[in-house]
Amino acid sequence: MKRTSLFLDDRLLAALQRVARRKRVSVAALVREAVSAYLAQAATPARVPSIAGRFASGTRDTAERTDDLLWRDPHE
């Protein structure tokens, strides 16, 4: 494990210390846990919202007409 330094404002450090005391862990352990959780979340691809595909548009060729639909002049 490597040592590193962080610059935290007083409010953030106080909040970390409170949580660390409540969880009975060191601030360093809490920071490692938070960074690990953040990196795991950042590495996970974004999910498609569960609502996607739930409604019918009334047209069946939307995928084939993507360019026409996206690039047409909306004022025509």
PDB file of N, CA and C in Angstrom:
ATOM      1  N   MET A   1       0.855  -1.168   0.000  1.00  0.00           N
ATOM      2  CA  MET A   1       0.000   0.000   0.000  1.00  0.00           C
ATOM      3  C   MET A   1       0.904   1.235   0.000  1.00  0.00           C
ATOM      4  N   LYS A   2       0.509   2.235  -0.757  1.00  0.00           N
ATOM      5  CA  LYS A   2       1.277   3.479  -0.842  1.00  0.00           C
ATOM      6  C   LYS A   2       0.591   4.576  -0.051  1.00  0.00           C
ATOM      7  N   ARG A   3       1.384   5.441   0.530  1.00  0.00           N
ATOM      8  CA  ARG A   3       0.859   6.589   1.266  1.00  0.00           C
ATOM      9  C   ARG A   3       0.616   7.726   0.289  1.00  0.00           C
ATOM     10  N   THR A   4      -0.472   8.460   0.499  1.00  0.00           N
ATOM     11  CA  THR A   4      -0.768   9.634  -0.314  1.00  0.00           C
ATOM     12  C   THR A   4      -1.335  10.721   0.583  1.00  0.00           C
ATOM     13  N   SER A   5      -1.344  11.929   0.080  1.00  0.00           N
ATOM     14  CA  SER A   5      -1.887  13.055   0.847  1.00  0.00           C
ATOM     15  C   SER A   5      -3.109  13.604   0.140  1.00  0.00           C
ATOM     16  N   LEU A   6      -4.062  14.038   0.925  1.00  0.00           N
ATOM     17  CA  LEU A   6      -5.272  14.666   0.404  1.00  0.00           C
ATOM     18  C   LEU A   6      -5.442  16.015   1.070  1.00  0.00           C
ATOM     19  N   PHE A   7      -5.951  16.963   0.326  1.00  0.00           N
ATOM     20  CA  PHE A   7      -6.307  18.257   0.888  1.00  0.00           C
ATOM     21  C   PHE A   7      -7.823  18.308   0.956  1.00  0.00           C
ATOM     22  N   LEU A   8      -8.350  18.386   2.174  1.00  0.00           N
ATOM     23  CA  LEU A   8      -9.794  18.416   2.390  1.00  0.00           C
ATOM     24  C   LEU A   8     -10.156  19.685   3.140  1.00  0.00           C
ATOM     25  N   ASP A   9     -11.292  20.271   2.791  1.00  0.00           N
ATOM     26  CA  ASP A   9     -11.717  21.432   3.572  1.00  0.00           C
ATOM     27  C   ASP A   9     -12.202  20.944   4.941  1.00  0.00           C
ATOM     28  N   ASP A  10     -12.339  21.866   5.871  1.00  0.00           N
ATOM     29  CA  ASP A  10     -12.664  21.511   7.257  1.00  0.00           C
ATOM     30  C   ASP A  10     -13.977  20.743   7.373  1.00  0.00           C
ATOM     31  N   ARG A  11     -14.975  21.165   6.616  1.00  0.00           N
ATOM     32  CA  ARG A  11     -16.289  20.500   6.703  1.00  0.00           C
ATOM     33  C   ARG A  11     -16.219  19.061   6.214  1.00  0.00           C
ATOM     34  N   LEU A  12     -15.518  18.828   5.107  1.00  0.00           N
ATOM     35  CA  LEU A  12     -15.407  17.480   4.564  1.00  0.00           C
ATOM     36  C   LEU A  12     -14.620  16.580   5.509  1.00  0.00           C
ATOM     37  N   LEU A  13     -13.528  17.084   6.044  1.00  0.00           N
ATOM     38  CA  LEU A  13     -12.735  16.298   6.990  1.00  0.00           C
ATOM     39  C   LEU A  13     -13.547  15.970   8.237  1.00  0.00           C
ATOM     40  N   ALA A  14     -14.280  16.938   8.760  1.00  0.00           N
ATOM     41  CA  ALA A  14     -15.105  16.693   9.950  1.00  0.00           C
ATOM     42  C   ALA A  14     -16.164  15.635   9.663  1.00  0.00           C
ATOM     43  N   ALA A  15     -16.775  15.700   8.485  1.00  0.00           N
ATOM     44  CA  ALA A  15     -17.787  14.703   8.123  1.00  0.00           C
ATOM     45  C   ALA A  15     -17.160  13.318   8.013  1.00  0.00           C
ATOM     46  N   LEU A  16     -15.985  13.230   7.404  1.00  0.00           N
ATOM     47  CA  LEU A  16     -15.291  11.947   7.307  1.00  0.00           C
ATOM     48  C   LEU A  16     -14.950  11.402   8.692  1.00  0.00           C
ATOM     49  N   GLN A  17     -14.483  12.267   9.569  1.00  0.00           N
ATOM     50  CA  GLN A  17     -14.127  11.830  10.921  1.00  0.00           C
ATOM     51  C   GLN A  17     -15.351  11.322  11.676  1.00  0.00           C
ATOM     52  N   ARG A  18     -16.491  12.004  11.517  1.00  0.00           N
ATOM     53  CA  ARG A  18     -17.722  11.546  12.184  1.00  0.00           C
ATOM     54  C   ARG A  18     -18.125  10.155  11.697  1.00  0.00           C
ATOM     55  N   VAL A  19     -18.106   9.968  10.386  1.00  0.00           N
ATOM     56  CA  VAL A  19     -18.494   8.666   9.832  1.00  0.00           C
ATOM     57  C   VAL A  19     -17.492   7.596  10.248  1.00  0.00           C
ATOM     58  N   ALA A  20     -16.211   7.929  10.224  1.00  0.00           N
ATOM     59  CA  ALA A  20     -15.183   6.964  10.628  1.00  0.00           C
ATOM     60  C   ALA A  20     -15.374   6.542  12.083  1.00  0.00           C
ATOM     61  N   ARG A  21     -15.664   7.499  12.961  1.00  0.00           N
ATOM     62  CA  ARG A  21     -15.914   7.157  14.370  1.00  0.00           C
ATOM     63  C   ARG A  21     -17.137   6.258  14.504  1.00  0.00           C
ATOM     64  N   ARG A  22     -18.206   6.627  13.776  1.00  0.00           N
ATOM     65  CA  ARG A  22     -19.442   5.844  13.866  1.00  0.00           C
ATOM     66  C   ARG A  22     -19.224   4.409  13.374  1.00  0.00           C
ATOM     67  N   LYS A  23     -18.428   4.257  12.319  1.00  0.00           N
ATOM     68  CA  LYS A  23     -18.168   2.926  11.767  1.00  0.00           C
ATOM     69  C   LYS A  23     -17.002   2.220  12.456  1.00  0.00           C
ATOM     70  N   ARG A  24     -16.322   2.957  13.344  1.00  0.00           N
ATOM     71  CA  ARG A  24     -15.158   2.431  14.072  1.00  0.00           C
ATOM     72  C   ARG A  24     -14.053   1.967  13.127  1.00  0.00           C
ATOM     73  N   VAL A  25     -13.765   2.847  12.156  1.00  0.00           N
ATOM     74  CA  VAL A  25     -12.654   2.618  11.227  1.00  0.00           C
ATOM     75  C   VAL A  25     -11.843   3.905  11.151  1.00  0.00           C
ATOM     76  N   SER A  26     -10.669   3.813  10.572  1.00  0.00           N
ATOM     77  CA  SER A  26      -9.851   5.017  10.399  1.00  0.00           C
ATOM     78  C   SER A  26     -10.377   5.836   9.222  1.00  0.00           C
ATOM     79  N   VAL A  27     -10.006   7.109   9.214  1.00  0.00           N
ATOM     80  CA  VAL A  27     -10.367   7.965   8.081  1.00  0.00           C
ATOM     81  C   VAL A  27      -9.743   7.387   6.810  1.00  0.00           C
ATOM     82  N   ALA A  28      -8.517   6.889   6.901  1.00  0.00           N
ATOM     83  CA  ALA A  28      -7.850   6.307   5.734  1.00  0.00           C
ATOM     84  C   ALA A  28      -8.639   5.114   5.188  1.00  0.00           C
ATOM     85  N   ALA A  29      -9.127   4.263   6.085  1.00  0.00           N
ATOM     86  CA  ALA A  29      -9.919   3.106   5.646  1.00  0.00           C
ATOM     87  C   ALA A  29     -11.210   3.562   4.982  1.00  0.00           C
ATOM     88  N   LEU A  30     -11.822   4.585   5.542  1.00  0.00           N
ATOM     89  CA  LEU A  30     -13.058   5.118   4.969  1.00  0.00           C
ATOM     90  C   LEU A  30     -12.805   5.711   3.581  1.00  0.00           C
ATOM     91  N   VAL A  31     -11.705   6.428   3.423  1.00  0.00           N
ATOM     92  CA  VAL A  31     -11.358   7.000   2.117  1.00  0.00           C
ATOM     93  C   VAL A  31     -11.087   5.880   1.115  1.00  0.00           C
ATOM     94  N   ARG A  32     -10.358   4.838   1.518  1.00  0.00           N
ATOM     95  CA  ARG A  32     -10.097   3.705   0.615  1.00  0.00           C
ATOM     96  C   ARG A  32     -11.403   3.052   0.181  1.00  0.00           C
ATOM     97  N   GLU A  33     -12.318   2.873   1.130  1.00  0.00           N
ATOM     98  CA  GLU A  33     -13.623   2.274   0.831  1.00  0.00           C
ATOM     99  C   GLU A  33     -14.398   3.139  -0.171  1.00  0.00           C
ATOM    100  N   ALA A  34     -14.391   4.449   0.057  1.00  0.00           N
ATOM    101  CA  ALA A  34     -15.125   5.360  -0.824  1.00  0.00           C
ATOM    102  C   ALA A  34     -14.516   5.389  -2.225  1.00  0.00           C
ATOM    103  N   VAL A  35     -13.194   5.428  -2.302  1.00  0.00           N
ATOM    104  CA  VAL A  35     -12.534   5.456  -3.608  1.00  0.00           C
ATOM    105  C   VAL A  35     -12.781   4.141  -4.348  1.00  0.00           C
ATOM    106  N   SER A  36     -12.709   3.022  -3.645  1.00  0.00           N
ATOM    107  CA  SER A  36     -12.976   1.722  -4.276  1.00  0.00           C
ATOM    108  C   SER A  36     -14.398   1.652  -4.812  1.00  0.00           C
ATOM    109  N   ALA A  37     -15.362   2.121  -4.023  1.00  0.00           N
ATOM    110  CA  ALA A  37     -16.760   2.112  -4.461  1.00  0.00           C
ATOM    111  C   ALA A  37     -16.949   3.015  -5.669  1.00  0.00           C
ATOM    112  N   TYR A  38     -16.326   4.182  -5.658  1.00  0.00           N
ATOM    113  CA  TYR A  38     -16.434   5.109  -6.783  1.00  0.00           C
ATOM    114  C   TYR A  38     -15.851   4.492  -8.048  1.00  0.00           C
ATOM    115  N   LEU A  39     -14.672   3.891  -7.940  1.00  0.00           N
ATOM    116  CA  LEU A  39     -14.031   3.303  -9.112  1.00  0.00           C
ATOM    117  C   LEU A  39     -14.830   2.123  -9.654  1.00  0.00           C
ATOM    118  N   ALA A  40     -15.416   1.316  -8.777  1.00  0.00           N
ATOM    119  CA  ALA A  40     -16.251   0.197  -9.229  1.00  0.00           C
ATOM    120  C   ALA A  40     -17.467   0.713  -9.979  1.00  0.00           C
ATOM    121  N   GLN A  41     -18.077   1.771  -9.464  1.00  0.00           N
ATOM    122  CA  GLN A  41     -19.253   2.357 -10.112  1.00  0.00           C
ATOM    123  C   GLN A  41     -18.866   3.000 -11.431  1.00  0.00           C
ATOM    124  N   ALA A  42     -17.729   3.665 -11.480  1.00  0.00           N
ATOM    125  CA  ALA A  42     -17.295   4.347 -12.696  1.00  0.00           C
ATOM    126  C   ALA A  42     -16.936   3.353 -13.793  1.00  0.00           C
ATOM    127  N   ALA A  43     -16.508   2.152 -13.424  1.00  0.00           N
ATOM    128  CA  ALA A  43     -16.125   1.138 -14.400  1.00  0.00           C
ATOM    129  C   ALA A  43     -17.327   0.386 -14.954  1.00  0.00           C
ATOM    130  N   THR A  44     -18.472   0.490 -14.291  1.00  0.00           N
ATOM    131  CA  THR A  44     -19.676  -0.208 -14.726  1.00  0.00           C
ATOM    132  C   THR A  44     -20.365   0.602 -15.814  1.00  0.00           C
ATOM    133  N   PRO A  45     -20.668  -0.029 -16.954  1.00  0.00           N
ATOM    134  CA  PRO A  45     -21.358   0.716 -18.010  1.00  0.00           C
ATOM    135  C   PRO A  45     -22.723   1.202 -17.542  1.00  0.00           C
ATOM    136  N   ALA A  46     -23.103   2.359 -18.042  1.00  0.00           N
ATOM    137  CA  ALA A  46     -24.406   2.920 -17.676  1.00  0.00           C
ATOM    138  C   ALA A  46     -25.507   1.988 -18.163  1.00  0.00           C
ATOM    139  N   ARG A  47     -26.506   1.802 -17.323  1.00  0.00           N
ATOM    140  CA  ARG A  47     -27.629   0.943 -17.693  1.00  0.00           C
ATOM    141  C   ARG A  47     -28.673   1.733 -18.458  1.00  0.00           C
ATOM    142  N   VAL A  48     -29.345   1.038 -19.342  1.00  0.00           N
ATOM    143  CA  VAL A  48     -30.468   1.647 -20.045  1.00  0.00           C
ATOM    144  C   VAL A  48     -31.619   1.726 -19.046  1.00  0.00           C
ATOM    145  N   PRO A  49     -32.283   2.867 -18.960  1.00  0.00           N
ATOM    146  CA  PRO A  49     -33.403   2.966 -18.020  1.00  0.00           C
ATOM    147  C   PRO A  49     -34.431   1.868 -18.273  1.00  0.00           C
ATOM    148  N   SER A  50     -35.016   1.357 -17.214  1.00  0.00           N
ATOM    149  CA  SER A  50     -35.956   0.249 -17.341  1.00  0.00           C
ATOM    150  C   SER A  50     -37.199   0.626 -18.130  1.00  0.00           C
ATOM    151  N   ILE A  51     -37.429   1.903 -18.343  1.00  0.00           N
ATOM    152  CA  ILE A  51     -38.600   2.330 -19.090  1.00  0.00           C
ATOM    153  C   ILE A  51     -38.373   2.216 -20.604  1.00  0.00           C
ATOM    154  N   ALA A  52     -37.113   2.073 -21.017  1.00  0.00           N
ATOM    155  CA  ALA A  52     -36.797   2.014 -22.444  1.00  0.00           C
ATOM    156  C   ALA A  52     -37.507   0.839 -23.102  1.00  0.00           C
ATOM    157  N   GLY A  53     -38.153   1.117 -24.213  1.00  0.00           N
ATOM    158  CA  GLY A  53     -38.826   0.079 -24.976  1.00  0.00           C
ATOM    159  C   GLY A  53     -40.195  -0.309 -24.471  1.00  0.00           C
ATOM    160  N   ARG A  54     -40.720   0.377 -23.492  1.00  0.00           N
ATOM    161  CA  ARG A  54     -42.009   0.011 -22.906  1.00  0.00           C
ATOM    162  C   ARG A  54     -43.212   0.601 -23.622  1.00  0.00           C
ATOM    163  N   PHE A  55     -42.979   1.560 -24.491  1.00  0.00           N
ATOM    164  CA  PHE A  55     -44.098   2.226 -25.148  1.00  0.00           C
ATOM    165  C   PHE A  55     -44.010   2.028 -26.651  1.00  0.00           C
ATOM    166  N   ALA A  56     -45.147   1.891 -27.287  1.00  0.00           N
ATOM    167  CA  ALA A  56     -45.195   1.730 -28.734  1.00  0.00           C
ATOM    168  C   ALA A  56     -45.301   3.101 -29.389  1.00  0.00           C
ATOM    169  N   SER A  57     -44.504   3.306 -30.432  1.00  0.00           N
ATOM    170  CA  SER A  57     -44.541   4.589 -31.132  1.00  0.00           C
ATOM    171  C   SER A  57     -45.565   4.584 -32.255  1.00  0.00           C
ATOM    172  N   GLY A  58     -46.025   3.404 -32.607  1.00  0.00           N
ATOM    173  CA  GLY A  58     -46.962   3.303 -33.714  1.00  0.00           C
ATOM    174  C   GLY A  58     -46.273   3.092 -35.043  1.00  0.00           C
ATOM    175  N   THR A  59     -44.953   3.167 -35.063  1.00  0.00           N
ATOM    176  CA  THR A  59     -44.213   2.903 -36.298  1.00  0.00           C
ATOM    177  C   THR A  59     -43.262   1.751 -36.057  1.00  0.00           C
ATOM    178  N   ARG A  60     -43.061   0.968 -37.090  1.00  0.00           N
ATOM    179  CA  ARG A  60     -42.192  -0.201 -36.955  1.00  0.00           C
ATOM    180  C   ARG A  60     -40.826   0.003 -37.604  1.00  0.00           C
ATOM    181  N   ASP A  61     -40.654   1.084 -38.358  1.00  0.00           N
ATOM    182  CA  ASP A  61     -39.407   1.265 -39.094  1.00  0.00           C
ATOM    183  C   ASP A  61     -38.520   2.369 -38.516  1.00  0.00           C
ATOM    184  N   THR A  62     -38.702   2.693 -37.256  1.00  0.00           N
ATOM    185  CA  THR A  62     -37.938   3.780 -36.640  1.00  0.00           C
ATOM    186  C   THR A  62     -36.435   3.524 -36.724  1.00  0.00           C
ATOM    187  N   ALA A  63     -35.994   2.310 -36.459  1.00  0.00           N
ATOM    188  CA  ALA A  63     -34.563   1.998 -36.497  1.00  0.00           C
ATOM    189  C   ALA A  63     -33.988   2.195 -37.890  1.00  0.00           C
ATOM    190  N   GLU A  64     -34.747   1.832 -38.911  1.00  0.00           N
ATOM    191  CA  GLU A  64     -34.265   1.983 -40.281  1.00  0.00           C
ATOM    192  C   GLU A  64     -34.247   3.446 -40.712  1.00  0.00           C
ATOM    193  N   ARG A  65     -35.067   4.286 -40.111  1.00  0.00           N
ATOM    194  CA  ARG A  65     -35.183   5.693 -40.508  1.00  0.00           C
ATOM    195  C   ARG A  65     -34.437   6.639 -39.567  1.00  0.00           C
ATOM    196  N   THR A  66     -33.513   6.126 -38.785  1.00  0.00           N
ATOM    197  CA  THR A  66     -32.821   6.933 -37.784  1.00  0.00           C
ATOM    198  C   THR A  66     -32.219   8.204 -38.372  1.00  0.00           C
ATOM    199  N   ASP A  67     -31.469   8.068 -39.468  1.00  0.00           N
ATOM    200  CA  ASP A  67     -30.838   9.254 -40.064  1.00  0.00           C
ATOM    201  C   ASP A  67     -31.876  10.268 -40.518  1.00  0.00           C
ATOM    202  N   ASP A  68     -32.931   9.802 -41.167  1.00  0.00           N
ATOM    203  CA  ASP A  68     -33.980  10.719 -41.621  1.00  0.00           C
ATOM    204  C   ASP A  68     -34.627  11.437 -40.445  1.00  0.00           C
ATOM    205  N   LEU A  69     -34.882  10.704 -39.375  1.00  0.00           N
ATOM    206  CA  LEU A  69     -35.569  11.295 -38.225  1.00  0.00           C
ATOM    207  C   LEU A  69     -34.685  12.274 -37.464  1.00  0.00           C
ATOM    208  N   LEU A  70     -33.408  11.961 -37.351  1.00  0.00           N
ATOM    209  CA  LEU A  70     -32.508  12.807 -36.566  1.00  0.00           C
ATOM    210  C   LEU A  70     -31.976  14.006 -37.335  1.00  0.00           C
ATOM    211  N   TRP A  71     -31.829  13.879 -38.641  1.00  0.00           N
ATOM    212  CA  TRP A  71     -31.168  14.927 -39.408  1.00  0.00           C
ATOM    213  C   TRP A  71     -32.104  15.741 -40.292  1.00  0.00           C
ATOM    214  N   ARG A  72     -33.382  15.492 -40.229  1.00  0.00           N
ATOM    215  CA  ARG A  72     -34.310  16.261 -41.063  1.00  0.00           C
ATOM    216  C   ARG A  72     -34.516  17.649 -40.478  1.00  0.00           C
ATOM    217  N   ASP A  73     -34.932  18.572 -41.321  1.00  0.00           N
ATOM    218  CA  ASP A  73     -35.227  19.939 -40.880  1.00  0.00           C
ATOM    219  C   ASP A  73     -36.569  19.918 -40.162  1.00  0.00           C
ATOM    220  N   PRO A  74     -36.613  20.254 -38.881  1.00  0.00           N
ATOM    221  CA  PRO A  74     -37.874  20.174 -38.128  1.00  0.00           C
ATOM    222  C   PRO A  74     -38.914  21.186 -38.598  1.00  0.00           C
ATOM    223  N   HIS A  75     -38.497  22.138 -39.420  1.00  0.00           N
ATOM    224  CA  HIS A  75     -39.425  23.171 -39.883  1.00  0.00           C
ATOM    225  C   HIS A  75     -40.091  22.809 -41.201  1.00  0.00           C
ATOM    226  N   GLU A  76     -39.757  21.666 -41.746  1.00  0.00           N
ATOM    227  CA  GLU A  76     -40.380  21.244 -43.008  1.00  0.00           C
ATOM    228  C   GLU A  76     -41.697  20.561 -42.755  1.00  0.00           C
TER     229      GLU A  76
END
